[in-house]
Amino acid sequence: MYFPRQVFEPIPVRASRDVIETFAEDFAYRLNFRQGDGEVSVGGVNADVVRLIEKLGGRLFDGGNAHPKSQTEDDSLVIFARDDFVVQPFRNSLMWLDIEASQALTNAAEIGHLLLHYPLVQTTQNATDEMSVVMAAPRHAQGSIQELCDIEAYWFAYAVVFPKALFRKLWDHHHGNIGEIAYDQGVLVKHVENRAKRLGLVQADAA
C-alpha cells in the first residue's frame, strides 16, 4: 500500500462554540442521527456512532497498518480522503468499562475532526479530487493549536451525541437524574453533566 511522505495535523476552524454546535446539529439532522426519543441500540450510543462512522466511509482500526508514517505513532484518527478514514480507539483492558462508556463522545469527536478540520487541510494544500492529502489527529494534543482542535472536535461531538431537543427529552424523562441518563445512554456521568451544564439545566457548580 502506498503512503504519502507528508501527513498533516488538524487546523482549527476558530469558530465559536455556538457556530460549531449548530453545524453539528444540522449534520445530525440531515443524516437523521439521534433525532428520536433517545432509544439506543445494543451497545449504547457508541454502537450508533460507529455505524455513522462506517456510513461516512470510515472504519475502526483492526490491527493492520493504518498509519501512513509509522506503526508507533499514537494517533486517534488517520484520514486518507473525505470518505476514507480510520479511527483508532484507545484500548486498555484495566480501564475497559470507563473507556467503553467514553467511546461515543471520543468517536464522535473524530467525526468532528473529519468535518471541521480536514477540509481546511485540503484547502491549505490546494487539494483536488485526484490529490491525496492525509491528516492525522494526535491522541494527546500538544500545543495550543492542537488543543484548540480537540476542543472544537468535542464541541461538535457533544452536539451530535446529545442534540439540544433530544437531551431535554432525556432530562425530562429521567427527571433530571444524571446517573440514570448516563446508564440509559451508555455514556459516562461526566458527559451528561457537561451537557446539562452547557444547556443550563443545572448550575455549573451543581452537577
N, C-alpha and C. Protein backbone atom coordinates (compact mmCIF):
# COMPACT_ATOMS: atom_id res chain seq x y z
N MET A 1 0.85 -1.20 0.00
CA MET A 1 0.00 0.00 0.00
C MET A 1 0.88 1.24 0.00
N TYR A 2 0.51 2.22 -0.81
CA TYR A 2 1.27 3.45 -0.89
C TYR A 2 0.83 4.44 0.17
N PHE A 3 1.79 5.01 0.88
CA PHE A 3 1.50 6.06 1.83
C PHE A 3 2.29 7.31 1.44
N PRO A 4 1.67 8.46 1.47
CA PRO A 4 2.37 9.69 1.13
C PRO A 4 3.44 10.03 2.16
N ARG A 5 4.42 10.79 1.73
CA ARG A 5 5.51 11.13 2.64
C ARG A 5 5.07 12.12 3.71
N GLN A 6 4.14 12.99 3.38
CA GLN A 6 3.78 14.06 4.30
C GLN A 6 2.37 13.86 4.84
N VAL A 7 2.26 14.00 6.16
CA VAL A 7 0.98 13.87 6.84
C VAL A 7 0.77 15.14 7.65
N PHE A 8 -0.42 15.69 7.56
CA PHE A 8 -0.70 16.98 8.18
C PHE A 8 -1.54 16.82 9.43
N GLU A 9 -1.35 17.76 10.35
CA GLU A 9 -2.16 17.79 11.57
C GLU A 9 -3.39 18.66 11.34
N PRO A 10 -4.43 18.50 12.18
CA PRO A 10 -5.63 19.31 12.03
C PRO A 10 -5.36 20.80 12.14
N ILE A 11 -6.19 21.58 11.47
CA ILE A 11 -6.13 23.03 11.52
C ILE A 11 -7.44 23.52 12.13
N PRO A 12 -7.40 24.33 13.19
CA PRO A 12 -8.64 24.76 13.85
C PRO A 12 -9.47 25.68 12.98
N VAL A 13 -10.77 25.58 13.13
CA VAL A 13 -11.66 26.47 12.37
C VAL A 13 -11.80 27.82 13.06
N ARG A 14 -11.53 27.86 14.36
CA ARG A 14 -11.59 29.10 15.15
C ARG A 14 -12.99 29.73 15.10
N ALA A 15 -13.99 28.88 15.14
CA ALA A 15 -15.38 29.35 15.20
C ALA A 15 -15.86 29.28 16.65
N SER A 16 -16.94 29.97 16.94
CA SER A 16 -17.49 29.94 18.29
C SER A 16 -18.12 28.58 18.58
N ARG A 17 -18.33 28.31 19.85
CA ARG A 17 -18.98 27.05 20.22
C ARG A 17 -20.39 26.99 19.66
N ASP A 18 -21.10 28.10 19.70
CA ASP A 18 -22.47 28.12 19.17
C ASP A 18 -22.49 27.76 17.69
N VAL A 19 -21.55 28.30 16.93
CA VAL A 19 -21.50 28.02 15.49
C VAL A 19 -21.20 26.54 15.24
N ILE A 20 -20.25 25.99 15.98
CA ILE A 20 -19.87 24.59 15.79
C ILE A 20 -21.01 23.67 16.21
N GLU A 21 -21.69 23.99 17.30
CA GLU A 21 -22.81 23.16 17.74
C GLU A 21 -23.96 23.21 16.73
N THR A 22 -24.22 24.36 16.16
CA THR A 22 -25.27 24.46 15.14
C THR A 22 -24.90 23.64 13.92
N PHE A 23 -23.66 23.71 13.50
CA PHE A 23 -23.17 22.89 12.38
C PHE A 23 -23.35 21.41 12.68
N ALA A 24 -23.00 21.00 13.90
CA ALA A 24 -23.10 19.59 14.29
C ALA A 24 -24.54 19.12 14.30
N GLU A 25 -25.43 19.93 14.85
CA GLU A 25 -26.84 19.52 14.91
C GLU A 25 -27.45 19.47 13.52
N ASP A 26 -27.07 20.39 12.64
CA ASP A 26 -27.55 20.34 11.26
C ASP A 26 -27.07 19.07 10.57
N PHE A 27 -25.82 18.72 10.82
CA PHE A 27 -25.26 17.48 10.26
C PHE A 27 -26.05 16.27 10.75
N ALA A 28 -26.30 16.20 12.05
CA ALA A 28 -27.05 15.08 12.62
C ALA A 28 -28.47 15.03 12.06
N TYR A 29 -29.08 16.18 11.90
CA TYR A 29 -30.44 16.24 11.38
C TYR A 29 -30.51 15.72 9.95
N ARG A 30 -29.54 16.12 9.13
CA ARG A 30 -29.53 15.69 7.73
C ARG A 30 -29.35 14.19 7.60
N LEU A 31 -28.64 13.57 8.53
CA LEU A 31 -28.42 12.13 8.49
C LEU A 31 -29.39 11.38 9.40
N ASN A 32 -30.36 12.12 9.96
CA ASN A 32 -31.34 11.52 10.88
C ASN A 32 -30.67 10.75 12.01
N PHE A 33 -29.63 11.34 12.56
CA PHE A 33 -28.87 10.71 13.64
C PHE A 33 -29.26 11.33 14.98
N ARG A 34 -29.71 10.50 15.89
CA ARG A 34 -30.08 10.92 17.24
C ARG A 34 -31.20 11.96 17.21
N GLN A 35 -32.21 11.70 16.41
CA GLN A 35 -33.31 12.66 16.27
C GLN A 35 -34.59 12.18 16.95
N GLY A 36 -34.56 11.00 17.56
CA GLY A 36 -35.77 10.45 18.16
C GLY A 36 -35.90 10.75 19.64
N ASP A 37 -36.29 9.73 20.39
CA ASP A 37 -36.52 9.90 21.83
C ASP A 37 -35.36 9.39 22.67
N GLY A 38 -34.25 9.08 22.04
CA GLY A 38 -33.08 8.67 22.81
C GLY A 38 -32.90 7.18 22.94
N GLU A 39 -33.72 6.40 22.25
CA GLU A 39 -33.52 4.95 22.30
C GLU A 39 -32.21 4.60 21.60
N VAL A 40 -31.46 3.70 22.21
CA VAL A 40 -30.16 3.34 21.67
C VAL A 40 -30.13 1.86 21.31
N SER A 41 -29.19 1.52 20.44
CA SER A 41 -29.02 0.14 20.03
C SER A 41 -28.28 -0.64 21.11
N VAL A 42 -28.24 -1.95 20.94
CA VAL A 42 -27.42 -2.77 21.84
C VAL A 42 -25.98 -2.26 21.73
N GLY A 43 -25.37 -2.01 22.87
CA GLY A 43 -24.04 -1.44 22.86
C GLY A 43 -24.04 0.04 23.18
N GLY A 44 -25.23 0.62 23.35
CA GLY A 44 -25.31 2.02 23.72
C GLY A 44 -25.12 2.95 22.54
N VAL A 45 -24.99 4.23 22.86
CA VAL A 45 -24.85 5.25 21.83
C VAL A 45 -23.64 4.99 20.95
N ASN A 46 -22.57 4.45 21.54
CA ASN A 46 -21.35 4.24 20.75
C ASN A 46 -21.59 3.34 19.54
N ALA A 47 -22.44 2.33 19.69
CA ALA A 47 -22.73 1.45 18.55
C ALA A 47 -23.34 2.25 17.41
N ASP A 48 -24.18 3.22 17.75
CA ASP A 48 -24.78 4.07 16.72
C ASP A 48 -23.73 5.00 16.10
N VAL A 49 -22.82 5.51 16.92
CA VAL A 49 -21.76 6.38 16.40
C VAL A 49 -20.85 5.61 15.45
N VAL A 50 -20.54 4.37 15.82
CA VAL A 50 -19.69 3.54 14.95
C VAL A 50 -20.36 3.31 13.61
N ARG A 51 -21.66 3.06 13.63
CA ARG A 51 -22.37 2.89 12.36
C ARG A 51 -22.34 4.18 11.53
N LEU A 52 -22.39 5.31 12.21
CA LEU A 52 -22.29 6.59 11.50
C LEU A 52 -20.91 6.74 10.87
N ILE A 53 -19.88 6.36 11.60
CA ILE A 53 -18.52 6.39 11.05
C ILE A 53 -18.45 5.55 9.78
N GLU A 54 -19.01 4.35 9.84
CA GLU A 54 -18.99 3.46 8.67
C GLU A 54 -19.79 4.05 7.52
N LYS A 55 -20.91 4.69 7.83
CA LYS A 55 -21.74 5.32 6.79
C LYS A 55 -20.97 6.42 6.07
N LEU A 56 -20.08 7.09 6.80
CA LEU A 56 -19.29 8.18 6.21
C LEU A 56 -18.06 7.68 5.47
N GLY A 57 -17.83 6.36 5.50
CA GLY A 57 -16.68 5.79 4.78
C GLY A 57 -15.52 5.44 5.68
N GLY A 58 -15.72 5.55 6.99
CA GLY A 58 -14.64 5.24 7.93
C GLY A 58 -14.71 3.83 8.46
N ARG A 59 -13.73 3.47 9.25
CA ARG A 59 -13.69 2.14 9.86
C ARG A 59 -12.86 2.23 11.14
N LEU A 60 -13.10 1.31 12.04
CA LEU A 60 -12.30 1.24 13.25
C LEU A 60 -11.02 0.47 12.96
N PHE A 61 -9.97 0.84 13.60
CA PHE A 61 -8.66 0.19 13.43
C PHE A 61 -8.77 -1.29 13.77
N ASP A 62 -8.31 -2.14 12.85
CA ASP A 62 -8.46 -3.58 13.03
C ASP A 62 -7.14 -4.29 13.33
N GLY A 63 -6.10 -3.53 13.63
CA GLY A 63 -4.82 -4.14 13.95
C GLY A 63 -3.85 -4.16 12.79
N GLY A 64 -4.29 -3.76 11.61
CA GLY A 64 -3.39 -3.70 10.47
C GLY A 64 -2.58 -2.42 10.48
N ASN A 65 -1.96 -2.13 9.36
CA ASN A 65 -1.14 -0.92 9.26
C ASN A 65 -2.01 0.23 8.81
N ALA A 66 -2.53 0.97 9.79
CA ALA A 66 -3.44 2.06 9.46
C ALA A 66 -2.72 3.38 9.31
N HIS A 67 -1.50 3.46 9.78
CA HIS A 67 -0.84 4.75 9.85
C HIS A 67 0.13 4.96 8.69
N PRO A 68 0.08 6.12 8.07
CA PRO A 68 0.94 6.37 6.92
C PRO A 68 2.37 6.72 7.27
N LYS A 69 2.66 7.01 8.54
CA LYS A 69 4.03 7.39 8.91
C LYS A 69 4.79 6.24 9.57
N SER A 70 4.20 5.65 10.59
CA SER A 70 4.86 4.54 11.27
C SER A 70 3.86 3.86 12.18
N GLN A 71 4.16 2.63 12.54
CA GLN A 71 3.27 1.87 13.40
C GLN A 71 3.25 2.42 14.83
N THR A 72 4.30 3.13 15.23
CA THR A 72 4.40 3.55 16.62
C THR A 72 3.71 4.89 16.88
N GLU A 73 3.29 5.59 15.83
CA GLU A 73 2.60 6.85 16.03
C GLU A 73 1.29 6.63 16.79
N ASP A 74 1.05 7.44 17.80
CA ASP A 74 -0.16 7.29 18.61
C ASP A 74 -1.19 8.32 18.17
N ASP A 75 -1.82 8.08 17.06
CA ASP A 75 -2.87 8.96 16.55
C ASP A 75 -4.22 8.29 16.73
N SER A 76 -5.22 9.08 17.03
CA SER A 76 -6.56 8.53 17.22
C SER A 76 -7.33 8.47 15.92
N LEU A 77 -6.85 9.18 14.90
CA LEU A 77 -7.56 9.26 13.63
C LEU A 77 -6.57 9.49 12.51
N VAL A 78 -6.75 8.76 11.42
CA VAL A 78 -5.97 8.99 10.20
C VAL A 78 -6.95 9.09 9.04
N ILE A 79 -6.91 10.22 8.33
CA ILE A 79 -7.82 10.46 7.21
C ILE A 79 -7.02 10.43 5.92
N PHE A 80 -7.40 9.52 5.04
CA PHE A 80 -6.75 9.41 3.73
C PHE A 80 -7.52 10.21 2.68
N ALA A 81 -8.82 10.31 2.86
CA ALA A 81 -9.70 11.06 1.97
C ALA A 81 -10.99 11.31 2.73
N ARG A 82 -11.84 12.19 2.21
CA ARG A 82 -13.08 12.56 2.90
C ARG A 82 -13.94 11.34 3.24
N ASP A 83 -13.88 10.31 2.40
CA ASP A 83 -14.68 9.11 2.63
C ASP A 83 -13.81 7.89 2.86
N ASP A 84 -12.61 8.10 3.39
CA ASP A 84 -11.69 7.00 3.67
C ASP A 84 -10.84 7.38 4.88
N PHE A 85 -11.23 6.90 6.05
CA PHE A 85 -10.50 7.26 7.26
C PHE A 85 -10.56 6.12 8.27
N VAL A 86 -9.61 6.14 9.19
CA VAL A 86 -9.50 5.09 10.20
C VAL A 86 -9.51 5.72 11.59
N VAL A 87 -10.42 5.24 12.42
CA VAL A 87 -10.47 5.66 13.82
C VAL A 87 -9.77 4.58 14.64
N GLN A 88 -8.84 5.00 15.50
CA GLN A 88 -8.06 4.05 16.29
C GLN A 88 -8.39 4.25 17.77
N PRO A 89 -9.41 3.56 18.28
CA PRO A 89 -9.80 3.74 19.69
C PRO A 89 -8.69 3.31 20.63
N PHE A 90 -8.62 3.99 21.76
CA PHE A 90 -7.66 3.62 22.79
C PHE A 90 -8.12 2.34 23.46
N ARG A 91 -7.19 1.42 23.66
CA ARG A 91 -7.53 0.15 24.30
C ARG A 91 -6.69 -0.06 25.55
N ASN A 92 -7.34 -0.37 26.65
CA ASN A 92 -6.66 -0.67 27.89
C ASN A 92 -7.60 -1.52 28.73
N SER A 93 -7.32 -2.81 28.83
CA SER A 93 -8.25 -3.74 29.47
C SER A 93 -8.49 -3.39 30.94
N LEU A 94 -7.52 -2.72 31.60
CA LEU A 94 -7.68 -2.39 33.02
C LEU A 94 -8.72 -1.29 33.22
N MET A 95 -8.97 -0.54 32.18
CA MET A 95 -9.93 0.56 32.29
C MET A 95 -11.08 0.38 31.32
N TRP A 96 -11.34 -0.85 30.91
CA TRP A 96 -12.23 -1.08 29.78
C TRP A 96 -13.63 -0.51 29.97
N LEU A 97 -14.22 -0.67 31.15
CA LEU A 97 -15.59 -0.21 31.34
C LEU A 97 -15.70 1.31 31.14
N ASP A 98 -14.79 2.07 31.75
CA ASP A 98 -14.81 3.52 31.57
C ASP A 98 -14.52 3.90 30.13
N ILE A 99 -13.58 3.21 29.50
CA ILE A 99 -13.23 3.53 28.12
C ILE A 99 -14.39 3.23 27.19
N GLU A 100 -15.03 2.10 27.41
CA GLU A 100 -16.18 1.75 26.57
C GLU A 100 -17.27 2.80 26.68
N ALA A 101 -17.52 3.29 27.89
CA ALA A 101 -18.56 4.31 28.09
C ALA A 101 -18.15 5.66 27.51
N SER A 102 -16.85 5.88 27.35
CA SER A 102 -16.39 7.16 26.82
C SER A 102 -16.32 7.19 25.30
N GLN A 103 -16.46 6.02 24.66
CA GLN A 103 -16.19 5.93 23.23
C GLN A 103 -17.18 6.71 22.37
N ALA A 104 -18.42 6.83 22.78
CA ALA A 104 -19.39 7.55 21.95
C ALA A 104 -18.93 8.98 21.70
N LEU A 105 -18.52 9.67 22.76
CA LEU A 105 -18.06 11.04 22.59
C LEU A 105 -16.71 11.09 21.89
N THR A 106 -15.82 10.16 22.24
CA THR A 106 -14.50 10.14 21.61
C THR A 106 -14.61 9.89 20.12
N ASN A 107 -15.40 8.90 19.74
CA ASN A 107 -15.55 8.58 18.32
C ASN A 107 -16.28 9.69 17.57
N ALA A 108 -17.27 10.31 18.22
CA ALA A 108 -17.96 11.43 17.58
C ALA A 108 -17.01 12.61 17.38
N ALA A 109 -16.06 12.78 18.29
CA ALA A 109 -15.07 13.85 18.14
C ALA A 109 -14.20 13.61 16.91
N GLU A 110 -13.93 12.34 16.59
CA GLU A 110 -13.15 12.06 15.37
C GLU A 110 -13.93 12.48 14.13
N ILE A 111 -15.25 12.32 14.16
CA ILE A 111 -16.07 12.82 13.06
C ILE A 111 -15.97 14.34 13.00
N GLY A 112 -15.88 14.96 14.17
CA GLY A 112 -15.69 16.41 14.21
C GLY A 112 -14.41 16.82 13.53
N HIS A 113 -13.32 16.10 13.79
CA HIS A 113 -12.05 16.39 13.10
C HIS A 113 -12.23 16.25 11.59
N LEU A 114 -12.93 15.21 11.19
CA LEU A 114 -13.14 14.95 9.76
C LEU A 114 -13.88 16.10 9.09
N LEU A 115 -14.95 16.57 9.71
CA LEU A 115 -15.81 17.56 9.06
C LEU A 115 -15.35 19.00 9.29
N LEU A 116 -14.72 19.26 10.42
CA LEU A 116 -14.29 20.62 10.72
C LEU A 116 -12.88 20.92 10.20
N HIS A 117 -11.95 20.02 10.47
CA HIS A 117 -10.54 20.33 10.28
C HIS A 117 -9.93 19.81 8.99
N TYR A 118 -10.40 18.65 8.55
CA TYR A 118 -9.82 18.09 7.32
C TYR A 118 -10.06 18.98 6.10
N PRO A 119 -11.24 19.58 5.93
CA PRO A 119 -11.43 20.48 4.78
C PRO A 119 -10.45 21.64 4.77
N LEU A 120 -10.06 22.14 5.94
CA LEU A 120 -9.09 23.23 6.00
C LEU A 120 -7.71 22.75 5.57
N VAL A 121 -7.36 21.54 5.95
CA VAL A 121 -6.08 20.96 5.50
C VAL A 121 -6.08 20.83 3.98
N GLN A 122 -7.18 20.32 3.43
CA GLN A 122 -7.28 20.19 1.98
C GLN A 122 -7.15 21.54 1.29
N THR A 123 -7.83 22.54 1.82
CA THR A 123 -7.77 23.88 1.21
C THR A 123 -6.37 24.45 1.29
N THR A 124 -5.73 24.30 2.44
CA THR A 124 -4.37 24.82 2.63
C THR A 124 -3.40 24.19 1.64
N GLN A 125 -3.61 22.92 1.33
CA GLN A 125 -2.72 22.21 0.42
C GLN A 125 -3.19 22.26 -1.03
N ASN A 126 -4.23 23.07 -1.29
CA ASN A 126 -4.77 23.19 -2.65
C ASN A 126 -5.10 21.82 -3.24
N ALA A 127 -5.74 20.99 -2.42
CA ALA A 127 -6.02 19.62 -2.83
C ALA A 127 -7.10 19.57 -3.91
N THR A 128 -6.98 18.58 -4.76
CA THR A 128 -8.01 18.28 -5.75
C THR A 128 -8.51 16.87 -5.50
N ASP A 129 -9.53 16.46 -6.23
CA ASP A 129 -10.07 15.11 -6.07
C ASP A 129 -9.02 14.06 -6.38
N GLU A 130 -8.08 14.40 -7.24
CA GLU A 130 -7.07 13.42 -7.64
C GLU A 130 -5.85 13.44 -6.71
N MET A 131 -5.81 14.39 -5.80
CA MET A 131 -4.64 14.57 -4.95
C MET A 131 -4.92 14.03 -3.55
N SER A 132 -4.05 13.17 -3.07
CA SER A 132 -4.23 12.59 -1.76
C SER A 132 -3.60 13.48 -0.69
N VAL A 133 -4.41 13.93 0.25
CA VAL A 133 -3.91 14.70 1.39
C VAL A 133 -4.30 13.94 2.64
N VAL A 134 -3.32 13.58 3.43
CA VAL A 134 -3.55 12.76 4.62
C VAL A 134 -3.43 13.63 5.88
N MET A 135 -4.40 13.49 6.76
CA MET A 135 -4.37 14.19 8.04
C MET A 135 -4.43 13.18 9.17
N ALA A 136 -3.63 13.39 10.19
CA ALA A 136 -3.64 12.52 11.36
C ALA A 136 -3.84 13.37 12.61
N ALA A 137 -4.80 12.99 13.43
CA ALA A 137 -5.08 13.71 14.68
C ALA A 137 -4.38 13.00 15.83
N PRO A 138 -3.49 13.66 16.54
CA PRO A 138 -2.79 13.01 17.66
C PRO A 138 -3.75 12.68 18.79
N ARG A 139 -3.51 11.54 19.43
CA ARG A 139 -4.37 11.13 20.54
C ARG A 139 -4.26 12.11 21.71
N HIS A 140 -3.05 12.57 21.97
CA HIS A 140 -2.83 13.51 23.07
C HIS A 140 -2.33 14.81 22.46
N ALA A 141 -3.24 15.78 22.36
CA ALA A 141 -2.90 17.05 21.72
C ALA A 141 -1.82 17.77 22.52
N GLN A 142 -0.84 18.30 21.80
CA GLN A 142 0.22 19.08 22.42
C GLN A 142 0.34 20.41 21.69
N GLY A 143 0.36 21.48 22.45
CA GLY A 143 0.44 22.80 21.85
C GLY A 143 -0.94 23.41 21.70
N SER A 144 -1.00 24.71 21.72
CA SER A 144 -2.28 25.41 21.74
C SER A 144 -3.13 25.14 20.50
N ILE A 145 -2.50 24.98 19.34
CA ILE A 145 -3.27 24.78 18.12
C ILE A 145 -3.99 23.43 18.16
N GLN A 146 -3.28 22.36 18.51
CA GLN A 146 -3.91 21.05 18.55
C GLN A 146 -4.89 20.92 19.71
N GLU A 147 -4.60 21.60 20.80
CA GLU A 147 -5.55 21.60 21.91
C GLU A 147 -6.85 22.28 21.49
N LEU A 148 -6.76 23.36 20.73
CA LEU A 148 -7.96 24.04 20.24
C LEU A 148 -8.73 23.12 19.29
N CYS A 149 -8.02 22.39 18.44
CA CYS A 149 -8.69 21.44 17.55
C CYS A 149 -9.46 20.40 18.34
N ASP A 150 -8.87 19.89 19.40
CA ASP A 150 -9.56 18.90 20.24
C ASP A 150 -10.80 19.51 20.89
N ILE A 151 -10.68 20.73 21.37
CA ILE A 151 -11.83 21.39 21.99
C ILE A 151 -12.95 21.53 20.98
N GLU A 152 -12.63 21.98 19.78
CA GLU A 152 -13.64 22.14 18.74
C GLU A 152 -14.28 20.80 18.38
N ALA A 153 -13.46 19.75 18.30
CA ALA A 153 -13.99 18.43 17.96
C ALA A 153 -14.95 17.93 19.03
N TYR A 154 -14.66 18.22 20.28
CA TYR A 154 -15.56 17.78 21.35
C TYR A 154 -16.81 18.65 21.44
N TRP A 155 -16.72 19.92 21.11
CA TRP A 155 -17.94 20.73 21.00
C TRP A 155 -18.88 20.09 19.98
N PHE A 156 -18.29 19.70 18.84
CA PHE A 156 -19.06 19.02 17.79
C PHE A 156 -19.66 17.73 18.34
N ALA A 157 -18.85 16.94 19.03
CA ALA A 157 -19.28 15.62 19.50
C ALA A 157 -20.46 15.71 20.45
N TYR A 158 -20.39 16.62 21.40
CA TYR A 158 -21.49 16.75 22.36
C TYR A 158 -22.80 17.11 21.66
N ALA A 159 -22.73 17.99 20.66
CA ALA A 159 -23.94 18.41 19.97
C ALA A 159 -24.50 17.31 19.08
N VAL A 160 -23.65 16.43 18.57
CA VAL A 160 -24.11 15.31 17.75
C VAL A 160 -24.70 14.20 18.61
N VAL A 161 -24.00 13.85 19.68
CA VAL A 161 -24.48 12.76 20.54
C VAL A 161 -25.69 13.19 21.37
N PHE A 162 -25.69 14.44 21.82
CA PHE A 162 -26.79 14.95 22.63
C PHE A 162 -27.32 16.26 22.05
N PRO A 163 -28.03 16.20 20.93
CA PRO A 163 -28.67 17.42 20.40
C PRO A 163 -29.57 18.03 21.48
N LYS A 164 -29.74 19.34 21.43
CA LYS A 164 -30.50 20.05 22.47
C LYS A 164 -31.87 19.43 22.73
N ALA A 165 -32.65 19.26 21.67
CA ALA A 165 -34.02 18.77 21.85
C ALA A 165 -34.03 17.36 22.44
N LEU A 166 -33.15 16.50 21.95
CA LEU A 166 -33.09 15.14 22.46
C LEU A 166 -32.67 15.12 23.91
N PHE A 167 -31.65 15.90 24.25
CA PHE A 167 -31.17 15.88 25.64
C PHE A 167 -32.25 16.36 26.60
N ARG A 168 -33.01 17.35 26.20
CA ARG A 168 -34.07 17.85 27.08
C ARG A 168 -35.17 16.79 27.26
N LYS A 169 -35.44 16.01 26.21
CA LYS A 169 -36.38 14.90 26.36
C LYS A 169 -35.87 13.89 27.37
N LEU A 170 -34.58 13.54 27.25
CA LEU A 170 -33.99 12.59 28.20
C LEU A 170 -34.01 13.15 29.61
N TRP A 171 -33.74 14.44 29.73
CA TRP A 171 -33.72 15.10 31.04
C TRP A 171 -35.09 15.03 31.70
N ASP A 172 -36.11 15.32 30.91
CA ASP A 172 -37.48 15.27 31.45
C ASP A 172 -37.90 13.85 31.79
N HIS A 173 -37.56 12.91 30.90
CA HIS A 173 -37.96 11.52 31.10
C HIS A 173 -37.35 10.94 32.37
N HIS A 174 -36.11 11.31 32.65
CA HIS A 174 -35.41 10.78 33.82
C HIS A 174 -35.45 11.76 35.00
N HIS A 175 -36.29 12.78 34.88
CA HIS A 175 -36.49 13.75 35.96
C HIS A 175 -35.17 14.36 36.43
N GLY A 176 -34.29 14.61 35.45
CA GLY A 176 -33.03 15.27 35.77
C GLY A 176 -32.03 14.42 36.50
N ASN A 177 -32.22 13.11 36.50
CA ASN A 177 -31.28 12.21 37.19
C ASN A 177 -30.11 11.91 36.25
N ILE A 178 -28.99 12.54 36.52
CA ILE A 178 -27.83 12.44 35.64
C ILE A 178 -27.31 11.02 35.54
N GLY A 179 -27.28 10.31 36.67
CA GLY A 179 -26.80 8.93 36.66
C GLY A 179 -27.67 8.02 35.82
N GLU A 180 -28.99 8.21 35.91
CA GLU A 180 -29.91 7.38 35.12
C GLU A 180 -29.74 7.65 33.62
N ILE A 181 -29.57 8.91 33.26
CA ILE A 181 -29.37 9.24 31.85
C ILE A 181 -28.09 8.60 31.33
N ALA A 182 -27.02 8.69 32.12
CA ALA A 182 -25.74 8.11 31.72
C ALA A 182 -25.87 6.60 31.52
N TYR A 183 -26.55 5.92 32.47
CA TYR A 183 -26.72 4.47 32.37
C TYR A 183 -27.58 4.11 31.16
N ASP A 184 -28.66 4.85 30.98
CA ASP A 184 -29.58 4.59 29.88
C ASP A 184 -28.91 4.74 28.52
N GLN A 185 -28.01 5.72 28.41
CA GLN A 185 -27.38 6.02 27.13
C GLN A 185 -26.04 5.32 26.94
N GLY A 186 -25.50 4.74 28.00
CA GLY A 186 -24.22 4.04 27.89
C GLY A 186 -23.04 4.98 27.76
N VAL A 187 -23.11 6.11 28.48
CA VAL A 187 -22.02 7.08 28.46
C VAL A 187 -21.58 7.36 29.88
N LEU A 188 -20.52 8.13 30.03
CA LEU A 188 -20.03 8.48 31.36
C LEU A 188 -20.92 9.55 32.00
N VAL A 189 -20.99 9.52 33.32
CA VAL A 189 -21.76 10.52 34.05
C VAL A 189 -21.26 11.92 33.73
N LYS A 190 -19.94 12.08 33.60
CA LYS A 190 -19.39 13.41 33.35
C LYS A 190 -19.84 13.96 31.99
N HIS A 191 -20.13 13.07 31.03
CA HIS A 191 -20.62 13.54 29.74
C HIS A 191 -22.02 14.14 29.88
N VAL A 192 -22.85 13.48 30.67
CA VAL A 192 -24.20 14.00 30.91
C VAL A 192 -24.12 15.30 31.71
N GLU A 193 -23.26 15.33 32.71
CA GLU A 193 -23.06 16.54 33.50
C GLU A 193 -22.66 17.72 32.61
N ASN A 194 -21.69 17.48 31.75
CA ASN A 194 -21.19 18.55 30.88
C ASN A 194 -22.28 19.09 29.97
N ARG A 195 -23.09 18.18 29.42
CA ARG A 195 -24.15 18.65 28.51
C ARG A 195 -25.24 19.39 29.28
N ALA A 196 -25.56 18.90 30.46
CA ALA A 196 -26.58 19.58 31.28
C ALA A 196 -26.12 20.98 31.66
N LYS A 197 -24.86 21.13 31.98
CA LYS A 197 -24.32 22.45 32.29
C LYS A 197 -24.39 23.37 31.08
N ARG A 198 -23.99 22.83 29.95
CA ARG A 198 -23.96 23.63 28.73
C ARG A 198 -25.36 24.14 28.38
N LEU A 199 -26.38 23.33 28.60
CA LEU A 199 -27.75 23.69 28.25
C LEU A 199 -28.46 24.42 29.39
N GLY A 200 -27.74 24.69 30.48
CA GLY A 200 -28.32 25.47 31.55
C GLY A 200 -29.33 24.72 32.40
N LEU A 201 -29.30 23.40 32.36
CA LEU A 201 -30.25 22.61 33.13
C LEU A 201 -29.81 22.44 34.58
N VAL A 202 -28.54 22.61 34.82
CA VAL A 202 -28.00 22.66 36.19
C VAL A 202 -26.98 23.79 36.24
N GLN A 203 -26.71 24.27 37.43
CA GLN A 203 -25.69 25.29 37.60
C GLN A 203 -24.32 24.66 37.32
N ALA A 204 -23.40 25.44 36.86
CA ALA A 204 -22.08 24.93 36.51
C ALA A 204 -21.38 24.25 37.66
N ASP A 205 -21.67 24.65 38.89
CA ASP A 205 -21.01 24.04 40.05
C ASP A 205 -21.91 23.10 40.82
N ALA A 206 -23.05 22.71 40.18
CA ALA A 206 -24.02 21.89 40.91
C ALA A 206 -24.13 20.47 40.40
N ALA A 207 -23.53 20.18 39.22
CA ALA A 207 -23.68 18.84 38.64
C ALA A 207 -22.76 17.86 39.31
